[in-house]
N, C-alpha and C. Protein backbone atom coordinates (compact mmCIF):
# COMPACT_ATOMS: atom_id res chain seq x y z
N MET A 1 29.55 50.06 61.14
CA MET A 1 28.63 50.99 61.75
C MET A 1 27.25 50.34 61.77
N ALA A 2 26.60 50.38 62.92
CA ALA A 2 25.28 49.78 63.07
C ALA A 2 24.23 50.61 62.33
N GLN A 3 23.30 49.91 61.73
CA GLN A 3 22.20 50.57 61.01
C GLN A 3 21.21 51.14 62.03
N LYS A 4 20.81 52.38 61.84
CA LYS A 4 19.84 53.01 62.73
C LYS A 4 18.44 52.59 62.33
N THR A 5 17.60 52.46 63.36
CA THR A 5 16.19 52.19 63.08
C THR A 5 15.56 53.44 62.50
N LYS A 6 14.40 53.29 61.93
CA LYS A 6 13.67 54.44 61.37
C LYS A 6 13.40 55.47 62.47
N GLU A 7 13.04 55.01 63.65
CA GLU A 7 12.77 55.92 64.77
C GLU A 7 14.04 56.69 65.17
N GLU A 8 15.17 56.00 65.22
CA GLU A 8 16.43 56.67 65.55
C GLU A 8 16.81 57.69 64.48
N GLN A 9 16.56 57.36 63.23
CA GLN A 9 16.84 58.30 62.14
C GLN A 9 15.99 59.56 62.27
N ILE A 10 14.72 59.39 62.63
CA ILE A 10 13.83 60.53 62.79
C ILE A 10 14.28 61.40 63.96
N VAL A 11 14.64 60.77 65.09
CA VAL A 11 15.12 61.52 66.25
C VAL A 11 16.38 62.30 65.87
N PHE A 12 17.31 61.65 65.20
CA PHE A 12 18.55 62.30 64.79
C PHE A 12 18.27 63.49 63.88
N GLN A 13 17.42 63.30 62.88
CA GLN A 13 17.10 64.38 61.95
C GLN A 13 16.44 65.55 62.66
N ASN A 14 15.49 65.25 63.56
CA ASN A 14 14.81 66.32 64.29
C ASN A 14 15.78 67.10 65.17
N GLN A 15 16.64 66.39 65.87
CA GLN A 15 17.58 67.06 66.77
C GLN A 15 18.64 67.83 65.98
N SER A 16 19.04 67.27 64.85
CA SER A 16 20.00 67.97 63.99
C SER A 16 19.41 69.29 63.49
N HIS A 17 18.14 69.24 63.10
CA HIS A 17 17.46 70.45 62.64
C HIS A 17 17.35 71.47 63.79
N LEU A 18 17.01 71.00 64.97
CA LEU A 18 16.91 71.88 66.13
C LEU A 18 18.25 72.56 66.44
N VAL A 19 19.33 71.79 66.37
CA VAL A 19 20.67 72.34 66.61
C VAL A 19 21.01 73.40 65.57
N GLN A 20 20.73 73.10 64.32
CA GLN A 20 20.99 74.06 63.23
C GLN A 20 20.20 75.35 63.46
N LYS A 21 18.93 75.23 63.84
CA LYS A 21 18.09 76.40 64.08
C LYS A 21 18.61 77.20 65.28
N TYR A 22 19.02 76.50 66.33
CA TYR A 22 19.54 77.17 67.52
C TYR A 22 20.77 78.01 67.15
N PHE A 23 21.74 77.39 66.48
CA PHE A 23 22.94 78.13 66.11
C PHE A 23 22.60 79.31 65.20
N ASN A 24 21.73 79.08 64.24
CA ASN A 24 21.33 80.14 63.32
C ASN A 24 20.65 81.29 64.08
N ASP A 25 19.72 80.97 64.97
CA ASP A 25 19.01 82.00 65.73
C ASP A 25 19.94 82.79 66.64
N CYS A 26 21.01 82.15 67.09
CA CYS A 26 21.98 82.81 67.97
C CYS A 26 23.08 83.53 67.19
N GLY A 27 23.03 83.44 65.86
CA GLY A 27 24.04 84.11 65.04
C GLY A 27 25.40 83.44 65.09
N ILE A 28 25.40 82.14 65.29
CA ILE A 28 26.66 81.38 65.39
C ILE A 28 26.82 80.51 64.15
N CYS A 29 28.02 80.55 63.57
CA CYS A 29 28.35 79.67 62.45
C CYS A 29 29.34 78.62 62.96
N PRO A 30 28.83 77.51 63.50
CA PRO A 30 29.70 76.52 64.14
C PRO A 30 30.48 75.69 63.13
N ASP A 31 31.57 75.10 63.61
CA ASP A 31 32.27 74.16 62.75
C ASP A 31 31.54 72.81 62.83
N LEU A 32 31.90 71.90 61.96
CA LEU A 32 31.18 70.63 61.86
C LEU A 32 31.26 69.82 63.15
N LEU A 33 32.39 69.85 63.83
CA LEU A 33 32.52 69.10 65.07
C LEU A 33 31.52 69.60 66.11
N ASP A 34 31.35 70.92 66.20
CA ASP A 34 30.42 71.47 67.18
C ASP A 34 28.97 71.13 66.83
N ILE A 35 28.65 71.07 65.55
CA ILE A 35 27.31 70.63 65.15
C ILE A 35 27.11 69.18 65.59
N ALA A 36 28.11 68.35 65.35
CA ALA A 36 28.01 66.93 65.73
C ALA A 36 27.89 66.78 67.25
N LEU A 37 28.68 67.53 68.00
CA LEU A 37 28.61 67.43 69.46
C LEU A 37 27.25 67.88 69.99
N ALA A 38 26.76 68.99 69.49
CA ALA A 38 25.46 69.49 69.93
C ALA A 38 24.35 68.51 69.55
N THR A 39 24.42 67.95 68.37
CA THR A 39 23.41 66.99 67.93
C THR A 39 23.45 65.75 68.82
N ASP A 40 24.64 65.27 69.14
CA ASP A 40 24.79 64.11 70.01
C ASP A 40 24.14 64.36 71.38
N ILE A 41 24.38 65.54 71.94
CA ILE A 41 23.78 65.88 73.24
C ILE A 41 22.26 65.91 73.12
N MET A 42 21.74 66.51 72.08
CA MET A 42 20.29 66.62 71.92
C MET A 42 19.65 65.27 71.64
N VAL A 43 20.31 64.40 70.90
CA VAL A 43 19.78 63.05 70.66
C VAL A 43 19.73 62.29 71.98
N GLN A 44 20.78 62.41 72.78
CA GLN A 44 20.79 61.76 74.09
C GLN A 44 19.62 62.26 74.94
N PHE A 45 19.37 63.57 74.91
CA PHE A 45 18.25 64.14 75.65
C PHE A 45 16.92 63.59 75.14
N ALA A 46 16.75 63.53 73.84
CA ALA A 46 15.49 63.05 73.25
C ALA A 46 15.23 61.59 73.57
N ILE A 47 16.28 60.79 73.61
CA ILE A 47 16.13 59.35 73.84
C ILE A 47 16.04 59.01 75.33
N SER A 48 16.90 59.62 76.13
CA SER A 48 17.02 59.22 77.54
C SER A 48 16.36 60.17 78.52
N GLY A 49 16.04 61.36 78.08
CA GLY A 49 15.49 62.34 79.01
C GLY A 49 16.59 63.06 79.75
N PHE A 50 16.18 63.93 80.64
CA PHE A 50 17.13 64.78 81.36
C PHE A 50 17.73 64.02 82.53
N SER A 51 19.01 64.25 82.79
CA SER A 51 19.71 63.62 83.91
C SER A 51 20.79 64.57 84.41
N LYS A 52 21.35 64.25 85.55
CA LYS A 52 22.42 65.06 86.11
C LYS A 52 23.63 65.08 85.16
N ASP A 53 23.97 63.92 84.61
CA ASP A 53 25.08 63.82 83.67
C ASP A 53 24.83 64.67 82.42
N LEU A 54 23.60 64.60 81.92
CA LEU A 54 23.27 65.36 80.72
C LEU A 54 23.29 66.86 81.00
N LYS A 55 22.82 67.27 82.18
CA LYS A 55 22.87 68.69 82.54
C LYS A 55 24.31 69.18 82.54
N GLU A 56 25.21 68.36 83.04
CA GLU A 56 26.63 68.72 83.04
C GLU A 56 27.16 68.86 81.62
N ARG A 57 26.76 67.95 80.74
CA ARG A 57 27.18 68.05 79.33
C ARG A 57 26.62 69.31 78.68
N PHE A 58 25.33 69.61 78.94
CA PHE A 58 24.72 70.85 78.43
C PHE A 58 25.51 72.06 78.91
N ASP A 59 25.75 72.12 80.22
CA ASP A 59 26.44 73.28 80.80
C ASP A 59 27.84 73.45 80.22
N ASN A 60 28.58 72.34 80.12
CA ASN A 60 29.94 72.41 79.58
C ASN A 60 29.93 72.83 78.11
N PHE A 61 28.99 72.31 77.34
CA PHE A 61 28.93 72.67 75.92
C PHE A 61 28.53 74.13 75.75
N GLN A 62 27.57 74.60 76.56
CA GLN A 62 27.15 75.99 76.48
C GLN A 62 28.30 76.93 76.83
N LYS A 63 29.04 76.58 77.87
CA LYS A 63 30.20 77.40 78.27
C LYS A 63 31.24 77.41 77.14
N TYR A 64 31.50 76.25 76.57
CA TYR A 64 32.45 76.13 75.47
C TYR A 64 32.02 77.00 74.29
N CYS A 65 30.73 76.93 73.92
CA CYS A 65 30.22 77.73 72.79
C CYS A 65 30.31 79.22 73.09
N ASN A 66 29.97 79.61 74.31
CA ASN A 66 30.05 81.03 74.67
C ASN A 66 31.48 81.54 74.54
N GLU A 67 32.43 80.75 75.00
CA GLU A 67 33.83 81.16 74.93
C GLU A 67 34.34 81.16 73.49
N LYS A 68 33.97 80.14 72.72
CA LYS A 68 34.50 80.01 71.36
C LYS A 68 33.85 80.98 70.38
N TYR A 69 32.55 81.14 70.46
CA TYR A 69 31.83 81.90 69.44
C TYR A 69 31.41 83.31 69.88
N LYS A 70 31.32 83.52 71.17
CA LYS A 70 30.84 84.84 71.62
C LYS A 70 31.85 85.57 72.48
N ASN A 71 33.04 84.98 72.64
CA ASN A 71 34.08 85.58 73.47
C ASN A 71 33.51 86.02 74.81
N ASP A 72 32.71 85.16 75.41
CA ASP A 72 32.01 85.46 76.65
C ASP A 72 32.31 84.38 77.69
N PRO A 73 33.46 84.46 78.34
CA PRO A 73 33.76 83.46 79.37
C PRO A 73 32.84 83.65 80.56
N GLN A 74 32.05 82.64 80.85
CA GLN A 74 31.14 82.69 81.99
C GLN A 74 31.69 81.80 83.09
N PRO A 75 31.45 82.19 84.31
CA PRO A 75 31.96 81.36 85.44
C PRO A 75 31.31 80.02 85.53
């Protein structure tokens, strides 16, 4: 496993905290995989900025979370 730079560690920690706060504020108790997936998406956003591909990942993950945790299938 490659060693992360100090900057990458800070970005990861910040995005991980943001993901934890988001789930907590929404009343969701996610499993570890979902925390990891959400953190990965947010780290990609923080490092690379917004893109069409990232928007698709956001949308798919949000739909997945709505279905899994809120029993709310959205079109």
